[in-house]
PDB file of all heavy atoms in Angstrom:
ATOM      1  N   TRP A   1      -5.161  -0.238  22.902  1.00  0.00           N
ATOM      2  CA  TRP A   1      -4.807  -0.837  21.618  1.00  0.00           C
ATOM      3  C   TRP A   1      -6.044  -1.547  21.047  1.00  0.00           C
ATOM      4  O   TRP A   1      -6.258  -2.740  21.206  1.00  0.00           O
ATOM      5  CB  TRP A   1      -3.649  -1.813  21.778  1.00  0.00           C
ATOM      6  CG  TRP A   1      -3.171  -2.394  20.482  1.00  0.00           C
ATOM      7  CD1 TRP A   1      -3.403  -3.655  20.008  1.00  0.00           C
ATOM      8  CD2 TRP A   1      -2.399  -1.725  19.478  1.00  0.00           C
ATOM      9  NE1 TRP A   1      -2.830  -3.813  18.786  1.00  0.00           N
ATOM     10  CE2 TRP A   1      -2.197  -2.645  18.426  1.00  0.00           C
ATOM     11  CE3 TRP A   1      -1.864  -0.438  19.371  1.00  0.00           C
ATOM     12  CZ2 TRP A   1      -1.481  -2.324  17.282  1.00  0.00           C
ATOM     13  CZ3 TRP A   1      -1.152  -0.117  18.232  1.00  0.00           C
ATOM     14  CH2 TRP A   1      -0.959  -1.051  17.199  1.00  0.00           C
ATOM     15  N   ASP A   2      -6.849  -0.770  20.351  1.00  0.00           N
ATOM     16  CA  ASP A   2      -8.126  -1.265  19.853  1.00  0.00           C
ATOM     17  C   ASP A   2      -8.513  -0.417  18.645  1.00  0.00           C
ATOM     18  O   ASP A   2      -8.475   0.818  18.712  1.00  0.00           O
ATOM     19  CB  ASP A   2      -9.202  -1.141  20.936  1.00  0.00           C
ATOM     20  CG  ASP A   2     -10.573  -1.512  20.443  1.00  0.00           C
ATOM     21  OD1 ASP A   2     -10.869  -2.722  20.386  1.00  0.00           O
ATOM     22  OD2 ASP A   2     -11.347  -0.591  20.080  1.00  0.00           O
ATOM     23  N   PRO A   3      -8.894  -1.014  17.527  1.00  0.00           N
ATOM     24  CA  PRO A   3      -9.174  -0.218  16.322  1.00  0.00           C
ATOM     25  C   PRO A   3     -10.345   0.736  16.494  1.00  0.00           C
ATOM     26  O   PRO A   3     -10.320   1.850  15.953  1.00  0.00           O
ATOM     27  CB  PRO A   3      -9.451  -1.280  15.256  1.00  0.00           C
ATOM     28  CG  PRO A   3      -9.810  -2.525  16.002  1.00  0.00           C
ATOM     29  CD  PRO A   3      -9.020  -2.471  17.267  1.00  0.00           C
ATOM     30  N   ASP A   4     -11.376   0.330  17.217  1.00  0.00           N
ATOM     31  CA  ASP A   4     -12.520   1.214  17.414  1.00  0.00           C
ATOM     32  C   ASP A   4     -12.135   2.435  18.243  1.00  0.00           C
ATOM     33  O   ASP A   4     -12.581   3.554  17.955  1.00  0.00           O
ATOM     34  CB  ASP A   4     -13.664   0.461  18.089  1.00  0.00           C
ATOM     35  CG  ASP A   4     -14.254  -0.630  17.206  1.00  0.00           C
ATOM     36  OD1 ASP A   4     -14.134  -0.508  15.957  1.00  0.00           O
ATOM     37  OD2 ASP A   4     -14.817  -1.597  17.745  1.00  0.00           O
ATOM     38  N   ALA A   5     -11.301   2.222  19.271  1.00  0.00           N
ATOM     39  CA  ALA A   5     -10.870   3.337  20.111  1.00  0.00           C
ATOM     40  C   ALA A   5     -10.007   4.307  19.302  1.00  0.00           C
ATOM     41  O   ALA A   5     -10.171   5.534  19.388  1.00  0.00           O
ATOM     42  CB  ALA A   5     -10.093   2.816  21.318  1.00  0.00           C
ATOM     43  N   PHE A   6      -9.084   3.775  18.505  1.00  0.00           N
ATOM     44  CA  PHE A   6      -8.238   4.639  17.682  1.00  0.00           C
ATOM     45  C   PHE A   6      -9.076   5.420  16.672  1.00  0.00           C
ATOM     46  O   PHE A   6      -8.888   6.624  16.486  1.00  0.00           O
ATOM     47  CB  PHE A   6      -7.176   3.800  16.951  1.00  0.00           C
ATOM     48  CG  PHE A   6      -5.903   3.623  17.727  1.00  0.00           C
ATOM     49  CD1 PHE A   6      -5.895   3.051  18.992  1.00  0.00           C
ATOM     50  CD2 PHE A   6      -4.692   4.017  17.189  1.00  0.00           C
ATOM     51  CE1 PHE A   6      -4.730   2.874  19.696  1.00  0.00           C
ATOM     52  CE2 PHE A   6      -3.502   3.847  17.884  1.00  0.00           C
ATOM     53  CZ  PHE A   6      -3.526   3.277  19.155  1.00  0.00           C
ATOM     54  N   ARG A   7     -10.004   4.735  16.020  1.00  0.00           N
ATOM     55  CA  ARG A   7     -10.821   5.421  15.018  1.00  0.00           C
ATOM     56  C   ARG A   7     -11.656   6.524  15.662  1.00  0.00           C
ATOM     57  O   ARG A   7     -11.804   7.609  15.087  1.00  0.00           O
ATOM     58  CB  ARG A   7     -11.724   4.419  14.298  1.00  0.00           C
ATOM     59  CG  ARG A   7     -12.603   5.066  13.240  1.00  0.00           C
ATOM     60  CD  ARG A   7     -13.219   4.051  12.300  1.00  0.00           C
ATOM     61  NE  ARG A   7     -14.076   4.677  11.312  1.00  0.00           N
ATOM     62  CZ  ARG A   7     -14.435   4.122  10.167  1.00  0.00           C
ATOM     63  NH1 ARG A   7     -13.996   2.900   9.855  1.00  0.00           N
ATOM     64  NH2 ARG A   7     -15.224   4.742   9.306  1.00  0.00           N
ATOM     65  N   LYS A   8     -12.175   6.275  16.840  1.00  0.00           N
ATOM     66  CA  LYS A   8     -13.015   7.267  17.512  1.00  0.00           C
ATOM     67  C   LYS A   8     -12.222   8.530  17.831  1.00  0.00           C
ATOM     68  O   LYS A   8     -12.654   9.647  17.520  1.00  0.00           O
ATOM     69  CB  LYS A   8     -13.601   6.676  18.800  1.00  0.00           C
ATOM     70  CG  LYS A   8     -14.470   7.636  19.607  1.00  0.00           C
ATOM     71  CD  LYS A   8     -15.070   6.924  20.823  1.00  0.00           C
ATOM     72  CE  LYS A   8     -16.024   7.836  21.572  1.00  0.00           C
ATOM     73  NZ  LYS A   8     -15.326   8.969  22.211  1.00  0.00           N
ATOM     74  N   VAL A   9     -11.033   8.386  18.450  1.00  0.00           N
ATOM     75  CA  VAL A   9     -10.289   9.580  18.848  1.00  0.00           C
ATOM     76  C   VAL A   9      -9.746  10.327  17.621  1.00  0.00           C
ATOM     77  O   VAL A   9      -9.708  11.561  17.609  1.00  0.00           O
ATOM     78  CB  VAL A   9      -9.156   9.248  19.841  1.00  0.00           C
ATOM     79  CG1 VAL A   9      -9.727   8.637  21.116  1.00  0.00           C
ATOM     80  CG2 VAL A   9      -8.099   8.355  19.240  1.00  0.00           C
ATOM     81  N   ILE A  10      -9.351   9.601  16.588  1.00  0.00           N
ATOM     82  CA  ILE A  10      -8.863  10.263  15.371  1.00  0.00           C
ATOM     83  C   ILE A  10      -9.999  11.032  14.703  1.00  0.00           C
ATOM     84  O   ILE A  10      -9.830  12.184  14.286  1.00  0.00           O
ATOM     85  CB  ILE A  10      -8.236   9.235  14.419  1.00  0.00           C
ATOM     86  CG1 ILE A  10      -6.940   8.658  15.027  1.00  0.00           C
ATOM     87  CG2 ILE A  10      -7.954   9.862  13.052  1.00  0.00           C
ATOM     88  CD1 ILE A  10      -6.393   7.443  14.286  1.00  0.00           C
ATOM     89  N   SER A  11     -11.166  10.422  14.616  1.00  0.00           N
ATOM     90  CA  SER A  11     -12.301  11.086  13.969  1.00  0.00           C
ATOM     91  C   SER A  11     -12.723  12.332  14.735  1.00  0.00           C
ATOM     92  O   SER A  11     -13.022  13.377  14.128  1.00  0.00           O
ATOM     93  CB  SER A  11     -13.484  10.111  13.854  1.00  0.00           C
ATOM     94  OG  SER A  11     -13.171   9.023  13.009  1.00  0.00           O
ATOM     95  N   GLU A  12     -12.754  12.242  16.062  1.00  0.00           N
ATOM     96  CA  GLU A  12     -13.131  13.406  16.863  1.00  0.00           C
ATOM     97  C   GLU A  12     -12.128  14.537  16.692  1.00  0.00           C
ATOM     98  O   GLU A  12     -12.504  15.713  16.585  1.00  0.00           O
ATOM     99  CB  GLU A  12     -13.250  13.014  18.331  1.00  0.00           C
ATOM    100  CG  GLU A  12     -14.459  12.151  18.636  1.00  0.00           C
ATOM    101  CD  GLU A  12     -14.511  11.704  20.087  1.00  0.00           C
ATOM    102  OE1 GLU A  12     -13.500  11.910  20.810  1.00  0.00           O
ATOM    103  OE2 GLU A  12     -15.540  11.147  20.505  1.00  0.00           O
ATOM    104  N   ALA A  13     -10.849  14.189  16.658  1.00  0.00           N
ATOM    105  CA  ALA A  13      -9.827  15.222  16.472  1.00  0.00           C
ATOM    106  C   ALA A  13      -9.967  15.890  15.115  1.00  0.00           C
ATOM    107  O   ALA A  13      -9.888  17.123  14.993  1.00  0.00           O
ATOM    108  CB  ALA A  13      -8.438  14.620  16.633  1.00  0.00           C
ATOM    109  N   MET A  14     -10.182  15.091  14.068  1.00  0.00           N
ATOM    110  CA  MET A  14     -10.302  15.658  12.730  1.00  0.00           C
ATOM    111  C   MET A  14     -11.535  16.542  12.610  1.00  0.00           C
ATOM    112  O   MET A  14     -11.527  17.563  11.929  1.00  0.00           O
ATOM    113  CB  MET A  14     -10.350  14.536  11.694  1.00  0.00           C
ATOM    114  CG  MET A  14      -9.062  13.737  11.573  1.00  0.00           C
ATOM    115  SD  MET A  14      -7.631  14.763  11.144  1.00  0.00           S
ATOM    116  CE  MET A  14      -8.154  15.436   9.577  1.00  0.00           C
ATOM    117  N   GLN A  15     -12.580  16.174  13.286  1.00  0.00           N
ATOM    118  CA  GLN A  15     -13.812  16.961  13.211  1.00  0.00           C
ATOM    119  C   GLN A  15     -13.712  18.248  14.013  1.00  0.00           C
ATOM    120  O   GLN A  15     -14.045  19.336  13.524  1.00  0.00           O
ATOM    121  CB  GLN A  15     -14.992  16.133  13.724  1.00  0.00           C
ATOM    122  CG  GLN A  15     -16.296  16.918  13.825  1.00  0.00           C
ATOM    123  CD  GLN A  15     -17.432  16.075  14.364  1.00  0.00           C
ATOM    124  OE1 GLN A  15     -17.568  14.902  14.004  1.00  0.00           O
ATOM    125  NE2 GLN A  15     -18.254  16.647  15.226  1.00  0.00           N
ATOM    126  N   ASP A  16     -13.256  18.151  15.265  1.00  0.00           N
ATOM    127  CA  ASP A  16     -13.331  19.297  16.173  1.00  0.00           C
ATOM    128  C   ASP A  16     -12.110  20.196  16.115  1.00  0.00           C
ATOM    129  O   ASP A  16     -12.226  21.425  16.193  1.00  0.00           O
ATOM    130  CB  ASP A  16     -13.536  18.806  17.611  1.00  0.00           C
ATOM    131  CG  ASP A  16     -14.879  18.115  17.798  1.00  0.00           C
ATOM    132  OD1 ASP A  16     -15.845  18.552  17.146  1.00  0.00           O
ATOM    133  OD2 ASP A  16     -14.957  17.153  18.570  1.00  0.00           O
ATOM    134  N   ILE A  17     -10.913  19.612  16.011  1.00  0.00           N
ATOM    135  CA  ILE A  17      -9.689  20.410  16.065  1.00  0.00           C
ATOM    136  C   ILE A  17      -9.328  20.932  14.684  1.00  0.00           C
ATOM    137  O   ILE A  17      -9.134  22.134  14.487  1.00  0.00           O
ATOM    138  CB  ILE A  17      -8.535  19.596  16.664  1.00  0.00           C
ATOM    139  CG1 ILE A  17      -8.887  19.180  18.112  1.00  0.00           C
ATOM    140  CG2 ILE A  17      -7.241  20.401  16.632  1.00  0.00           C
ATOM    141  CD1 ILE A  17      -7.940  18.185  18.700  1.00  0.00           C
ATOM    142  N   ALA A  18      -9.259  20.042  13.709  1.00  0.00           N
ATOM    143  CA  ALA A  18      -8.924  20.493  12.363  1.00  0.00           C
ATOM    144  C   ALA A  18      -9.981  21.458  11.832  1.00  0.00           C
ATOM    145  O   ALA A  18      -9.688  22.307  10.986  1.00  0.00           O
ATOM    146  CB  ALA A  18      -8.770  19.297  11.421  1.00  0.00           C
ATOM    147  N   GLY A  19     -11.190  21.360  12.353  1.00  0.00           N
ATOM    148  CA  GLY A  19     -12.248  22.263  11.931  1.00  0.00           C
ATOM    149  C   GLY A  19     -12.017  23.707  12.328  1.00  0.00           C
ATOM    150  O   GLY A  19     -12.682  24.613  11.801  1.00  0.00           O
ATOM    151  N   THR A  20     -11.077  23.982  13.240  1.00  0.00           N
ATOM    152  CA  THR A  20     -10.786  25.361  13.638  1.00  0.00           C
ATOM    153  C   THR A  20      -9.878  26.064  12.638  1.00  0.00           C
ATOM    154  O   THR A  20      -9.681  27.274  12.721  1.00  0.00           O
ATOM    155  CB  THR A  20     -10.080  25.393  15.007  1.00  0.00           C
ATOM    156  OG1 THR A  20      -8.779  24.792  14.878  1.00  0.00           O
ATOM    157  CG2 THR A  20     -10.891  24.668  16.074  1.00  0.00           C
ATOM    158  N   GLY A  21      -9.298  25.319  11.722  1.00  0.00           N
ATOM    159  CA  GLY A  21      -8.299  25.877  10.824  1.00  0.00           C
ATOM    160  C   GLY A  21      -6.886  25.525  11.240  1.00  0.00           C
ATOM    161  O   GLY A  21      -5.930  25.747  10.488  1.00  0.00           O
ATOM    162  N   SER A  22      -6.729  24.969  12.449  1.00  0.00           N
ATOM    163  CA  SER A  22      -5.431  24.467  12.887  1.00  0.00           C
ATOM    164  C   SER A  22      -5.256  23.056  12.343  1.00  0.00           C
ATOM    165  O   SER A  22      -6.086  22.562  11.569  1.00  0.00           O
ATOM    166  CB  SER A  22      -5.353  24.476  14.416  1.00  0.00           C
ATOM    167  OG  SER A  22      -4.102  23.975  14.852  1.00  0.00           O
ATOM    168  N   THR A  23      -4.186  22.403  12.729  1.00  0.00           N
ATOM    169  CA  THR A  23      -4.005  20.988  12.433  1.00  0.00           C
ATOM    170  C   THR A  23      -3.838  20.248  13.751  1.00  0.00           C
ATOM    171  O   THR A  23      -3.427  20.818  14.759  1.00  0.00           O
ATOM    172  CB  THR A  23      -2.772  20.749  11.554  1.00  0.00           C
ATOM    173  OG1 THR A  23      -1.620  21.340  12.176  1.00  0.00           O
ATOM    174  CG2 THR A  23      -2.965  21.341  10.174  1.00  0.00           C
ATOM    175  N   VAL A  24      -4.173  18.965  13.754  1.00  0.00           N
ATOM    176  CA  VAL A  24      -4.047  18.165  14.967  1.00  0.00           C
ATOM    177  C   VAL A  24      -2.572  17.923  15.258  1.00  0.00           C
ATOM    178  O   VAL A  24      -1.758  17.741  14.352  1.00  0.00           O
ATOM    179  CB  VAL A  24      -4.789  16.825  14.820  1.00  0.00           C
ATOM    180  CG1 VAL A  24      -4.761  16.059  16.145  1.00  0.00           C
ATOM    181  CG2 VAL A  24      -6.237  17.060  14.379  1.00  0.00           C
ATOM    182  N   THR A  25      -2.219  17.935  16.549  1.00  0.00           N
ATOM    183  CA  THR A  25      -0.847  17.711  16.990  1.00  0.00           C
ATOM    184  C   THR A  25      -0.802  16.371  17.714  1.00  0.00           C
ATOM    185  O   THR A  25      -1.226  16.259  18.859  1.00  0.00           O
ATOM    186  CB  THR A  25      -0.393  18.856  17.908  1.00  0.00           C
ATOM    187  OG1 THR A  25      -0.587  20.098  17.232  1.00  0.00           O
ATOM    188  CG2 THR A  25       1.069  18.710  18.286  1.00  0.00           C
ATOM    189  N   TRP A  26      -0.297  15.351  17.018  1.00  0.00           N
ATOM    190  CA  TRP A  26      -0.355  13.977  17.516  1.00  0.00           C
ATOM    191  C   TRP A  26       0.866  13.644  18.363  1.00  0.00           C
ATOM    192  O   TRP A  26       1.981  14.060  18.056  1.00  0.00           O
ATOM    193  CB  TRP A  26      -0.426  12.996  16.346  1.00  0.00           C
ATOM    194  CG  TRP A  26      -1.509  13.285  15.374  1.00  0.00           C
ATOM    195  CD1 TRP A  26      -1.379  13.910  14.159  1.00  0.00           C
ATOM    196  CD2 TRP A  26      -2.902  12.981  15.500  1.00  0.00           C
ATOM    197  NE1 TRP A  26      -2.592  14.012  13.523  1.00  0.00           N
ATOM    198  CE2 TRP A  26      -3.550  13.447  14.327  1.00  0.00           C
ATOM    199  CE3 TRP A  26      -3.663  12.358  16.486  1.00  0.00           C
ATOM    200  CZ2 TRP A  26      -4.918  13.301  14.108  1.00  0.00           C
ATOM    201  CZ3 TRP A  26      -5.034  12.209  16.285  1.00  0.00           C
ATOM    202  CH2 TRP A  26      -5.646  12.679  15.112  1.00  0.00           C
ATOM    203  N   VAL A  27       0.672  12.881  19.417  1.00  0.00           N
ATOM    204  CA  VAL A  27       1.764  12.401  20.257  1.00  0.00           C
ATOM    205  C   VAL A  27       1.468  10.977  20.699  1.00  0.00           C
ATOM    206  O   VAL A  27       0.315  10.609  20.933  1.00  0.00           O
ATOM    207  CB  VAL A  27       1.981  13.286  21.512  1.00  0.00           C
ATOM    208  CG1 VAL A  27       2.537  14.636  21.127  1.00  0.00           C
ATOM    209  CG2 VAL A  27       0.691  13.451  22.303  1.00  0.00           C
ATOM    210  N   LEU A  28       2.508  10.180  20.826  1.00  0.00           N
ATOM    211  CA  LEU A  28       2.406   8.848  21.413  1.00  0.00           C
ATOM    212  C   LEU A  28       3.150   8.760  22.736  1.00  0.00           C
ATOM    213  O   LEU A  28       2.971   7.795  23.479  1.00  0.00           O
ATOM    214  CB  LEU A  28       2.960   7.790  20.454  1.00  0.00           C
ATOM    215  CG  LEU A  28       2.106   7.471  19.227  1.00  0.00           C
ATOM    216  CD1 LEU A  28       2.861   6.539  18.300  1.00  0.00           C
ATOM    217  CD2 LEU A  28       0.763   6.857  19.632  1.00  0.00           C
ATOM    218  N   ASN A  29       3.982   9.768  23.026  1.00  0.00           N
ATOM    219  CA  ASN A  29       4.729   9.708  24.278  1.00  0.00           C
ATOM    220  C   ASN A  29       5.339  11.057  24.593  1.00  0.00           C
ATOM    221  O   ASN A  29       5.430  11.936  23.742  1.00  0.00           O
ATOM    222  CB  ASN A  29       5.835   8.647  24.208  1.00  0.00           C
ATOM    223  CG  ASN A  29       6.035   7.971  25.546  1.00  0.00           C
ATOM    224  OD1 ASN A  29       6.312   8.629  26.537  1.00  0.00           O
ATOM    225  ND2 ASN A  29       5.874   6.671  25.580  1.00  0.00           N
ATOM    226  N   ASN A  30       5.789  11.214  25.853  1.00  0.00           N
ATOM    227  CA  ASN A  30       6.578  12.371  26.274  1.00  0.00           C
ATOM    228  C   ASN A  30       7.259  12.010  27.594  1.00  0.00           C
ATOM    229  O   ASN A  30       7.219  10.849  28.037  1.00  0.00           O
ATOM    230  CB  ASN A  30       5.717  13.642  26.394  1.00  0.00           C
ATOM    231  CG  ASN A  30       4.588  13.514  27.404  1.00  0.00           C
ATOM    232  OD1 ASN A  30       4.747  12.919  28.472  1.00  0.00           O
ATOM    233  ND2 ASN A  30       3.428  14.079  27.082  1.00  0.00           N
ATOM    234  N   HIS A  31       7.856  12.993  28.236  1.00  0.00           N
ATOM    235  CA  HIS A  31       8.656  12.767  29.435  1.00  0.00           C
ATOM    236  C   HIS A  31       7.830  12.441  30.674  1.00  0.00           C
ATOM    237  O   HIS A  31       8.399  12.166  31.736  1.00  0.00           O
ATOM    238  CB  HIS A  31       9.509  14.005  29.718  1.00  0.00           C
ATOM    239  CG  HIS A  31       8.687  15.225  30.013  1.00  0.00           C
ATOM    240  ND1 HIS A  31       7.905  15.840  29.069  1.00  0.00           N
ATOM    241  CD2 HIS A  31       8.523  15.935  31.157  1.00  0.00           C
ATOM    242  CE1 HIS A  31       7.295  16.871  29.615  1.00  0.00           C
ATOM    243  NE2 HIS A  31       7.648  16.954  30.866  1.00  0.00           N
ATOM    244  N   ASP A  32       6.507  12.466  30.555  1.00  0.00           N
ATOM    245  CA  ASP A  32       5.623  12.167  31.690  1.00  0.00           C
ATOM    246  C   ASP A  32       4.921  10.825  31.561  1.00  0.00           C
ATOM    247  O   ASP A  32       4.113  10.471  32.428  1.00  0.00           O
ATOM    248  CB  ASP A  32       4.544  13.263  31.815  1.00  0.00           C
ATOM    249  CG  ASP A  32       5.097  14.585  32.306  1.00  0.00           C
ATOM    250  OD1 ASP A  32       6.086  14.578  33.054  1.00  0.00           O
ATOM    251  OD2 ASP A  32       4.539  15.633  31.928  1.00  0.00           O
ATOM    252  N   GLN A  33       5.181  10.079  30.495  1.00  0.00           N
ATOM    253  CA  GLN A  33       4.401   8.879  30.195  1.00  0.00           C
ATOM    254  C   GLN A  33       5.273   7.632  30.158  1.00  0.00           C
ATOM    255  O   GLN A  33       6.463   7.699  29.857  1.00  0.00           O
ATOM    256  CB  GLN A  33       3.712   9.042  28.830  1.00  0.00           C
ATOM    257  CG  GLN A  33       2.846  10.276  28.705  1.00  0.00           C
ATOM    258  CD  GLN A  33       1.642  10.259  29.617  1.00  0.00           C
ATOM    259  OE1 GLN A  33       1.114   9.186  29.940  1.00  0.00           O
ATOM    260  NE2 GLN A  33       1.172  11.427  30.033  1.00  0.00           N
ATOM    261  N   VAL A  34       4.644   6.491  30.432  1.00  0.00           N
ATOM    262  CA  VAL A  34       5.317   5.206  30.257  1.00  0.00           C
ATOM    263  C   VAL A  34       5.659   5.045  28.778  1.00  0.00           C
ATOM    264  O   VAL A  34       4.850   5.345  27.895  1.00  0.00           O
ATOM    265  CB  VAL A  34       4.419   4.054  30.724  1.00  0.00           C
ATOM    266  CG1 VAL A  34       5.037   2.697  30.395  1.00  0.00           C
ATOM    267  CG2 VAL A  34       4.149   4.175  32.223  1.00  0.00           C
ATOM    268  N   ARG A  35       6.857   4.589  28.491  1.00  0.00           N
ATOM    269  CA  ARG A  35       7.287   4.463  27.100  1.00  0.00           C
ATOM    270  C   ARG A  35       6.345   3.548  26.317  1.00  0.00           C
ATOM    271  O   ARG A  35       5.782   2.591  26.846  1.00  0.00           O
ATOM    272  CB  ARG A  35       8.721   3.957  27.028  1.00  0.00           C
ATOM    273  CG  ARG A  35       9.746   5.054  27.345  1.00  0.00           C
ATOM    274  CD  ARG A  35      11.100   4.713  26.793  1.00  0.00           C
ATOM    275  NE  ARG A  35      12.084   5.775  27.002  1.00  0.00           N
ATOM    276  CZ  ARG A  35      12.286   6.790  26.173  1.00  0.00           C
ATOM    277  NH1 ARG A  35      11.553   6.889  25.070  1.00  0.00           N
ATOM    278  NH2 ARG A  35      13.211   7.696  26.422  1.00  0.00           N
ATOM    279  N   THR A  36       6.222   3.849  25.015  1.00  0.00           N
ATOM    280  CA  THR A  36       5.209   3.216  24.188  1.00  0.00           C
ATOM    281  C   THR A  36       5.382   1.706  24.121  1.00  0.00           C
ATOM    282  O   THR A  36       4.402   0.960  24.195  1.00  0.00           O
ATOM    283  CB  THR A  36       5.256   3.814  22.765  1.00  0.00           C
ATOM    284  OG1 THR A  36       5.276   5.238  22.866  1.00  0.00           O
ATOM    285  CG2 THR A  36       4.042   3.399  21.972  1.00  0.00           C
ATOM    286  N   VAL A  37       6.606   1.233  23.963  1.00  0.00           N
ATOM    287  CA  VAL A  37       6.843  -0.213  23.871  1.00  0.00           C
ATOM    288  C   VAL A  37       6.288  -0.926  25.099  1.00  0.00           C
ATOM    289  O   VAL A  37       5.640  -1.972  24.986  1.00  0.00           O
ATOM    290  CB  VAL A  37       8.354  -0.485  23.711  1.00  0.00           C
ATOM    291  CG1 VAL A  37       8.677  -1.944  24.013  1.00  0.00           C
ATOM    292  CG2 VAL A  37       8.808  -0.129  22.310  1.00  0.00           C
ATOM    293  N   THR A  38       6.519  -0.359  26.270  1.00  0.00           N
ATOM    294  CA  THR A  38       6.056  -0.987  27.504  1.00  0.00           C
ATOM    295  C   THR A  38       4.559  -0.797  27.683  1.00  0.00           C
ATOM    296  O   THR A  38       3.855  -1.712  28.122  1.00  0.00           O
ATOM    297  CB  THR A  38       6.820  -0.402  28.703  1.00  0.00           C
ATOM    298  OG1 THR A  38       8.219  -0.618  28.503  1.00  0.00           O
ATOM    299  CG2 THR A  38       6.388  -1.043  30.008  1.00  0.00           C
ATOM    300  N   ARG A  39       4.055   0.373  27.328  1.00  0.00           N
ATOM    301  CA  ARG A  39       2.629   0.643  27.504  1.00  0.00           C
ATOM    302  C   ARG A  39       1.781  -0.296  26.659  1.00  0.00           C
ATOM    303  O   ARG A  39       0.694  -0.718  27.063  1.00  0.00           O
ATOM    304  CB  ARG A  39       2.346   2.101  27.133  1.00  0.00           C
ATOM    305  CG  ARG A  39       1.014   2.628  27.617  1.00  0.00           C
ATOM    306  CD  ARG A  39       0.868   4.113  27.389  1.00  0.00           C
ATOM    307  NE  ARG A  39       0.704   4.462  25.980  1.00  0.00           N
ATOM    308  CZ  ARG A  39       1.554   5.185  25.275  1.00  0.00           C
ATOM    309  NH1 ARG A  39       2.670   5.648  25.825  1.00  0.00           N
ATOM    310  NH2 ARG A  39       1.324   5.469  24.005  1.00  0.00           N
ATOM    311  N   TYR A  40       2.272  -0.655  25.483  1.00  0.00           N
ATOM    312  CA  TYR A  40       1.517  -1.533  24.597  1.00  0.00           C
ATOM    313  C   TYR A  40       1.798  -3.016  24.849  1.00  0.00           C
ATOM    314  O   TYR A  40       1.153  -3.871  24.235  1.00  0.00           O
ATOM    315  CB  TYR A  40       1.844  -1.220  23.139  1.00  0.00           C
ATOM    316  CG  TYR A  40       1.226   0.045  22.604  1.00  0.00           C
ATOM    317  CD1 TYR A  40       1.872   0.768  21.611  1.00  0.00           C
ATOM    318  CD2 TYR A  40       0.002   0.520  23.068  1.00  0.00           C
ATOM    319  CE1 TYR A  40       1.321   1.936  21.090  1.00  0.00           C
ATOM    320  CE2 TYR A  40      -0.553   1.683  22.561  1.00  0.00           C
ATOM    321  CZ  TYR A  40       0.107   2.390  21.572  1.00  0.00           C
ATOM    322  OH  TYR A  40      -0.437   3.535  21.062  1.00  0.00           O
ATOM    323  N   GLY A  41       2.770  -3.325  25.689  1.00  0.00           N
ATOM    324  CA  GLY A  41       3.121  -4.716  25.930  1.00  0.00           C
ATOM    325  C   GLY A  41       2.321  -5.320  27.061  1.00  0.00           C
ATOM    326  O   GLY A  41       1.826  -4.631  27.955  1.00  0.00           O
ATOM    327  N   GLU A  42       2.209  -6.636  27.094  1.00  0.00           N
ATOM    328  CA  GLU A  42       1.419  -7.332  28.117  1.00  0.00           C
ATOM    329  C   GLU A  42       2.167  -8.542  28.690  1.00  0.00           C
ATOM    330  O   GLU A  42       1.802  -9.685  28.406  1.00  0.00           O
ATOM    331  CB  GLU A  42       0.081  -7.793  27.525  1.00  0.00           C
ATOM    332  CG  GLU A  42      -0.791  -6.692  27.020  1.00  0.00           C
ATOM    333  CD  GLU A  42      -1.352  -5.825  28.126  1.00  0.00           C
ATOM    334  OE1 GLU A  42      -1.350  -6.256  29.301  1.00  0.00           O
ATOM    335  OE2 GLU A  42      -1.791  -4.715  27.830  1.00  0.00           O
ATOM    336  N   PRO A  43       3.166  -8.387  29.553  1.00  0.00           N
ATOM    337  CA  PRO A  43       3.857  -7.138  29.860  1.00  0.00           C
ATOM    338  C   PRO A  43       5.076  -7.011  28.948  1.00  0.00           C
ATOM    339  O   PRO A  43       5.351  -7.903  28.148  1.00  0.00           O
ATOM    340  CB  PRO A  43       4.295  -7.360  31.301  1.00  0.00           C
ATOM    341  CG  PRO A  43       4.599  -8.834  31.349  1.00  0.00           C
ATOM    342  CD  PRO A  43       3.624  -9.498  30.387  1.00  0.00           C
ATOM    343  N   ALA A  44       5.822  -5.916  29.089  1.00  0.00           N
ATOM    344  CA  ALA A  44       7.079  -5.768  28.355  1.00  0.00           C
ATOM    345  C   ALA A  44       8.060  -5.042  29.247  1.00  0.00           C
ATOM    346  O   ALA A  44       7.835  -3.918  29.631  1.00  0.00           O
ATOM    347  CB  ALA A  44       6.867  -4.977  27.067  1.00  0.00           C
ATOM    348  N   THR A  45       9.146  -5.700  29.621  1.00  0.00           N
ATOM    349  CA  THR A  45      10.157  -5.056  30.450  1.00  0.00           C
ATOM    350  C   THR A  45      11.416  -4.750  29.655  1.00  0.00           C
ATOM    351  O   THR A  45      12.201  -3.897  30.052  1.00  0.00           O
ATOM    352  CB  THR A  45      10.540  -5.950  31.639  1.00  0.00           C
ATOM    353  OG1 THR A  45      11.006  -7.211  31.142  1.00  0.00           O
ATOM    354  CG2 THR A  45       9.350  -6.158  32.549  1.00  0.00           C
TER     355      THR A  45
END
């Protein structure tokens, strides 16, 4: 959770992935990951 980190990964995706003619496929969670509310909390139960 850091603006520089978010900007870096978004910019890289837009440059490298969108440049292929596809579009970026964004995700914040799935069935293999800690849920977003808890992952971003310090702590959150």
